[in-house]
Amino acid sequence: MTAHGASREALAAARERLDALTDATSVDAARLAEELAAVTALLHREAGLRRVLTDPAQPGERKAELVQRLLGTQIGGPAADLVSGMVRSRWSQPRDLVDALEQLADLADLTAAQRDGTLDDVEDELFRFSRIVSSSTELRAALTDRAASTEAKAELLHRLLGGRAKPATERLVTRLVTAPRGRSLEAGLESLSKLAAERRHRMVAVVTSAVPLSDRQKQRLGAALAKLYGRPMHLNLDVDPTVVGGVRVQVGDEVINGSLADRLDEAARRMAS
């Protein structure tokens, strides 16, 4: 998506809200992606609704209320709240809102992959699939055939990717092929690869401590983790009184135990051995 002016600011704000939502482990990122994709498809079909939701003459709160009335019972609360926030923003043109929703759906799926530790694989698989498509005119023709049904294309992709690629890769590619929205297959795959690379460089550390960390402690911990992993680190903070002392840090599947309780347990295990 190439956004300009107001739409660029609205997209940046929407991505920040998406990050805030998906940083909460209680939010199912894959489900959120599916629901945002459904809203994308709806607004792509319904030009009138698209215009109403991006009409600068309409108060943002009224547009948000319309979203809740239309979609509140069709999608989950996180998705409905995210879309409501987006329509409160100003968009340069109606299409920009739909493009942004599509990008957020892709980012939510990439977040799901990041959570289960498969984001690197997804990025590699997207790149390899793009190379396969570029080298096979027959496959490209089958995936871009306007006469073929979306079901037939999805089934073809499932035969190609099911069990061989990560679930997020299959979902992303299937959505691109069955709902290209004017994009070429090559351009869509390139865009997905860029989003995956961008997401991979955003590392999230889940930090659990017995008491809230001070600003100085957060800065020191963030700097230490950035140095350790060689990338900027976003801290997702949680408080658990059962952590006797220190902190417990989880980055992807890797856990760094710095808590007093864990050190005591380790000492006890060494004494028993």
Protein backbone atom coordinates (compact mmCIF):
# COMPACT_ATOMS: atom_id res chain seq x y z
CA MET A 1 0.00 0.00 0.00
CA THR A 2 1.31 3.47 -0.94
CA ALA A 3 -0.47 5.92 1.34
CA HIS A 4 -0.35 9.69 1.10
CA GLY A 5 -1.09 12.52 3.51
CA ALA A 6 -3.94 11.77 5.88
CA SER A 7 -4.04 8.10 4.90
CA ARG A 8 -0.37 7.62 5.83
CA GLU A 9 -1.02 9.01 9.31
CA ALA A 10 -4.19 6.94 9.69
CA LEU A 11 -2.36 3.77 8.68
CA ALA A 12 0.46 4.44 11.13
CA ALA A 13 -2.05 4.93 13.94
CA ALA A 14 -3.91 1.75 12.97
CA ARG A 15 -0.68 -0.26 12.99
CA GLU A 16 0.13 1.05 16.45
CA ARG A 17 -3.31 -0.05 17.67
CA LEU A 18 -2.80 -3.45 16.05
CA ASP A 19 0.55 -3.85 17.82
CA ALA A 20 -1.06 -2.92 21.13
CA LEU A 21 -3.80 -5.50 20.56
CA THR A 22 -1.55 -8.32 19.45
CA ASP A 23 0.98 -7.69 22.21
CA ALA A 24 -1.74 -8.98 24.53
CA THR A 25 -1.41 -12.76 24.49
CA SER A 26 -5.15 -13.12 25.08
CA VAL A 27 -5.85 -11.91 21.53
CA ASP A 28 -5.92 -14.65 18.88
CA ALA A 29 -3.85 -13.04 16.13
CA ALA A 30 -4.82 -15.61 13.47
CA ARG A 31 -8.52 -15.10 14.17
CA LEU A 32 -8.03 -11.34 14.11
CA ALA A 33 -6.38 -11.67 10.69
CA GLU A 34 -9.32 -13.71 9.37
CA GLU A 35 -11.85 -11.18 10.63
CA LEU A 36 -9.97 -8.18 9.26
CA ALA A 37 -9.74 -9.97 5.90
CA ALA A 38 -13.51 -10.49 5.96
CA VAL A 39 -14.08 -6.77 6.58
CA THR A 40 -11.65 -5.99 3.75
CA ALA A 41 -13.68 -8.16 1.39
CA LEU A 42 -16.93 -6.54 2.52
CA LEU A 43 -15.72 -2.99 1.97
CA HIS A 44 -14.13 -3.96 -1.35
CA ARG A 45 -17.56 -5.17 -2.54
CA GLU A 46 -19.68 -2.41 -1.00
CA ALA A 47 -18.57 0.87 -2.52
CA GLY A 48 -21.40 2.81 -0.86
CA LEU A 49 -20.45 1.63 2.61
CA ARG A 50 -16.80 2.33 1.87
CA ARG A 51 -17.63 5.93 0.97
CA VAL A 52 -19.79 6.44 4.07
CA LEU A 53 -17.08 5.15 6.40
CA THR A 54 -14.46 7.46 4.90
CA ASP A 55 -16.68 10.53 4.42
CA PRO A 56 -14.82 13.43 6.10
CA ALA A 57 -18.11 15.29 6.51
CA GLN A 58 -19.39 12.60 8.89
CA PRO A 59 -18.34 12.69 12.56
CA GLY A 60 -15.88 9.95 13.42
CA GLU A 61 -17.95 8.74 16.34
CA ARG A 62 -21.01 8.30 14.13
CA LYS A 63 -18.99 6.19 11.69
CA ALA A 64 -17.61 4.12 14.55
CA GLU A 65 -21.14 3.49 15.83
CA LEU A 66 -22.14 2.34 12.35
CA VAL A 67 -19.27 -0.16 12.34
CA GLN A 68 -20.36 -1.53 15.70
CA ARG A 69 -23.98 -1.88 14.53
CA LEU A 70 -23.04 -3.60 11.28
CA LEU A 71 -20.13 -5.73 12.41
CA GLY A 72 -20.26 -5.95 16.19
CA THR A 73 -22.07 -9.30 16.14
CA GLN A 74 -20.19 -10.64 13.10
CA ILE A 75 -16.60 -10.27 14.30
CA GLY A 76 -14.84 -10.34 17.65
CA GLY A 77 -14.47 -7.36 19.94
CA PRO A 78 -10.78 -6.70 19.15
CA ALA A 79 -11.43 -6.60 15.39
CA ALA A 80 -14.54 -4.43 15.77
CA ASP A 81 -12.70 -1.98 18.04
CA LEU A 82 -9.78 -1.81 15.60
CA VAL A 83 -12.04 -1.08 12.62
CA SER A 84 -13.99 1.47 14.67
CA GLY A 85 -10.76 3.29 15.45
CA MET A 86 -9.78 3.26 11.79
CA VAL A 87 -13.01 4.88 10.58
CA ARG A 88 -12.57 7.65 13.14
CA SER A 89 -9.40 8.61 11.29
CA ARG A 90 -9.29 10.69 8.13
CA TRP A 91 -8.47 8.90 4.85
CA SER A 92 -7.38 10.59 1.64
CA GLN A 93 -9.62 8.32 -0.42
CA PRO A 94 -12.01 5.42 0.34
CA ARG A 95 -9.74 2.78 -1.18
CA ASP A 96 -6.99 3.63 1.30
CA LEU A 97 -9.09 2.34 4.19
CA VAL A 98 -9.55 -1.01 2.46
CA ASP A 99 -5.86 -1.24 1.58
CA ALA A 100 -4.99 -0.53 5.22
CA LEU A 101 -7.36 -3.22 6.49
CA GLU A 102 -5.79 -5.71 4.10
CA GLN A 103 -2.31 -4.83 5.34
CA LEU A 104 -3.40 -5.16 8.97
CA ALA A 105 -4.86 -8.60 8.26
CA ASP A 106 -1.53 -9.68 6.80
CA LEU A 107 0.36 -8.22 9.75
CA ALA A 108 -1.89 -10.04 12.20
CA ASP A 109 -1.13 -13.35 10.47
CA LEU A 110 2.59 -12.56 10.58
CA THR A 111 2.23 -11.78 14.27
CA ALA A 112 0.64 -15.20 14.78
CA ALA A 113 3.69 -16.73 13.10
CA GLN A 114 6.00 -14.64 15.26
CA ARG A 115 4.27 -15.90 18.37
CA ASP A 116 4.68 -19.56 17.48
CA GLY A 117 8.28 -19.09 16.41
CA THR A 118 7.76 -19.67 12.66
CA LEU A 119 8.14 -16.14 11.29
CA ASP A 120 11.60 -16.81 9.83
CA ASP A 121 10.19 -19.88 8.05
CA VAL A 122 7.23 -17.90 6.74
CA GLU A 123 9.53 -15.25 5.30
CA ASP A 124 11.64 -17.92 3.59
CA GLU A 125 8.57 -19.74 2.25
CA LEU A 126 7.08 -16.57 0.78
CA PHE A 127 10.34 -15.86 -1.01
CA ARG A 128 10.66 -19.43 -2.32
CA PHE A 129 7.04 -19.48 -3.49
CA SER A 130 7.56 -16.21 -5.38
CA ARG A 131 10.54 -17.78 -7.17
CA ILE A 132 8.50 -20.87 -8.04
CA VAL A 133 5.71 -18.71 -9.48
CA SER A 134 8.14 -16.64 -11.53
CA SER A 135 9.70 -19.78 -13.01
CA SER A 136 6.45 -21.61 -13.82
CA THR A 137 4.18 -19.97 -16.36
CA GLU A 138 1.72 -22.85 -15.98
CA LEU A 139 1.36 -22.38 -12.23
CA ARG A 140 1.08 -18.62 -12.56
CA ALA A 141 -1.63 -19.02 -15.19
CA ALA A 142 -3.61 -21.38 -12.96
CA LEU A 143 -3.40 -19.05 -9.96
CA THR A 144 -4.36 -15.93 -11.90
CA ASP A 145 -7.03 -17.47 -14.16
CA ARG A 146 -10.09 -15.22 -13.85
CA ALA A 147 -12.34 -18.01 -15.06
CA ALA A 148 -11.30 -20.32 -12.20
CA SER A 149 -13.29 -20.21 -8.97
CA THR A 150 -11.76 -19.08 -5.71
CA GLU A 151 -12.48 -22.54 -4.33
CA ALA A 152 -10.47 -24.19 -7.12
CA LYS A 153 -7.53 -21.84 -6.54
CA ALA A 154 -7.64 -22.41 -2.78
CA GLU A 155 -7.69 -26.16 -3.31
CA LEU A 156 -4.71 -25.95 -5.67
CA LEU A 157 -2.75 -23.95 -3.11
CA HIS A 158 -3.68 -26.40 -0.38
CA ARG A 159 -2.31 -29.24 -2.48
CA LEU A 160 0.89 -27.28 -3.06
CA LEU A 161 1.41 -25.84 0.42
CA GLY A 162 -0.67 -27.87 2.86
CA GLY A 163 1.66 -29.76 5.20
CA ARG A 164 4.72 -28.38 3.39
CA ALA A 165 4.51 -24.73 4.42
CA LYS A 166 3.63 -23.09 7.70
CA PRO A 167 -0.09 -22.39 8.26
CA ALA A 168 0.46 -18.61 8.16
CA THR A 169 2.20 -18.91 4.78
CA GLU A 170 -0.71 -20.86 3.33
CA ARG A 171 -3.26 -18.36 4.72
CA LEU A 172 -1.36 -15.35 3.38
CA VAL A 173 -0.82 -16.78 -0.10
CA THR A 174 -4.37 -18.11 -0.35
CA ARG A 175 -5.80 -14.72 0.57
CA LEU A 176 -3.61 -13.01 -2.01
CA VAL A 177 -4.54 -15.42 -4.79
CA THR A 178 -8.29 -15.58 -4.07
CA ALA A 179 -8.69 -11.83 -3.40
CA PRO A 180 -5.94 -10.00 -5.32
CA ARG A 181 -7.88 -6.70 -5.43
CA GLY A 182 -6.13 -5.57 -8.60
CA ARG A 183 -2.61 -6.57 -7.55
CA SER A 184 -0.45 -8.81 -9.66
CA LEU A 185 0.60 -12.06 -8.02
CA GLU A 186 4.26 -11.02 -8.13
CA ALA A 187 3.59 -7.60 -6.56
CA GLY A 188 1.46 -9.16 -3.84
CA LEU A 189 4.11 -11.73 -2.92
CA GLU A 190 6.79 -9.04 -2.86
CA SER A 191 4.64 -6.94 -0.53
CA LEU A 192 4.09 -9.89 1.80
CA SER A 193 7.81 -10.65 1.87
CA LYS A 194 8.58 -7.04 2.82
CA LEU A 195 6.00 -7.10 5.62
CA ALA A 196 7.44 -10.37 6.94
CA ALA A 197 10.98 -8.97 6.93
CA GLU A 198 9.80 -5.81 8.67
CA ARG A 199 7.92 -7.81 11.29
CA ARG A 200 10.87 -10.13 11.88
CA HIS A 201 13.01 -7.17 12.87
CA ARG A 202 10.48 -6.10 15.49
CA MET A 203 11.31 -8.24 18.48
CA VAL A 204 9.01 -8.45 21.49
CA ALA A 205 10.12 -9.45 24.98
CA VAL A 206 7.49 -10.53 27.49
CA VAL A 207 8.86 -9.36 30.85
CA THR A 208 7.30 -10.68 34.05
CA SER A 209 8.30 -9.17 37.38
CA ALA A 210 7.01 -9.35 40.96
CA VAL A 211 6.48 -5.58 41.08
CA PRO A 212 6.26 -2.95 38.31
CA LEU A 213 9.62 -1.96 36.90
CA SER A 214 10.79 1.64 37.17
CA ASP A 215 11.44 3.65 34.02
CA ARG A 216 15.17 3.32 34.62
CA GLN A 217 14.90 -0.46 35.01
CA LYS A 218 12.88 -0.71 31.79
CA GLN A 219 15.44 1.35 29.89
CA ARG A 220 18.37 -0.71 31.20
CA LEU A 221 16.61 -4.00 30.46
CA GLY A 222 15.59 -2.87 26.97
CA ALA A 223 19.16 -1.77 26.21
CA ALA A 224 20.59 -5.05 27.50
CA LEU A 225 18.18 -7.14 25.43
CA ALA A 226 18.81 -5.04 22.32
CA LYS A 227 22.53 -5.63 22.75
CA LEU A 228 21.99 -9.35 23.31
CA TYR A 229 19.77 -9.88 20.26
CA GLY A 230 21.21 -7.18 18.02
CA ARG A 231 17.80 -5.60 17.36
CA PRO A 232 15.53 -2.99 18.95
CA MET A 233 13.33 -4.62 21.57
CA HIS A 234 9.72 -3.85 22.49
CA LEU A 235 8.96 -4.73 26.12
CA ASN A 236 5.54 -6.22 26.93
CA LEU A 237 5.38 -5.88 30.71
CA ASP A 238 3.45 -8.08 33.13
CA VAL A 239 3.34 -8.25 36.92
CA ASP A 240 3.14 -11.58 38.75
CA PRO A 241 3.53 -11.50 42.55
CA THR A 242 4.66 -15.15 42.54
CA VAL A 243 7.93 -14.10 40.94
CA VAL A 244 9.98 -13.79 44.10
CA GLY A 245 12.67 -11.51 42.75
CA GLY A 246 14.24 -10.24 39.56
CA VAL A 247 12.53 -10.77 36.24
CA ARG A 248 11.55 -13.49 33.79
CA VAL A 249 12.02 -12.59 30.13
CA GLN A 250 10.63 -14.50 27.15
CA VAL A 251 11.65 -13.65 23.58
CA GLY A 252 9.87 -15.96 21.15
CA ASP A 253 10.46 -19.49 22.40
CA GLU A 254 13.55 -18.52 24.41
CA VAL A 255 13.17 -17.89 28.13
CA ILE A 256 15.73 -15.99 30.18
CA ASN A 257 15.12 -16.70 33.83
CA GLY A 258 16.50 -14.02 36.07
CA SER A 259 14.07 -14.47 38.95
CA LEU A 260 15.18 -15.36 42.43
CA ALA A 261 12.63 -18.18 42.58
CA ASP A 262 14.08 -19.82 39.47
CA ARG A 263 17.64 -19.44 40.77
CA LEU A 264 16.63 -21.09 44.05
CA ASP A 265 14.96 -23.96 42.20
CA GLU A 266 18.07 -24.45 40.08
CA ALA A 267 20.28 -24.47 43.20
CA ALA A 268 18.02 -27.07 44.83
CA ARG A 269 18.18 -29.28 41.74
CA ARG A 270 21.99 -29.10 41.73
CA MET A 271 22.16 -30.03 45.41
CA ALA A 272 19.85 -33.00 44.85
CA SER A 273 21.91 -34.34 41.93
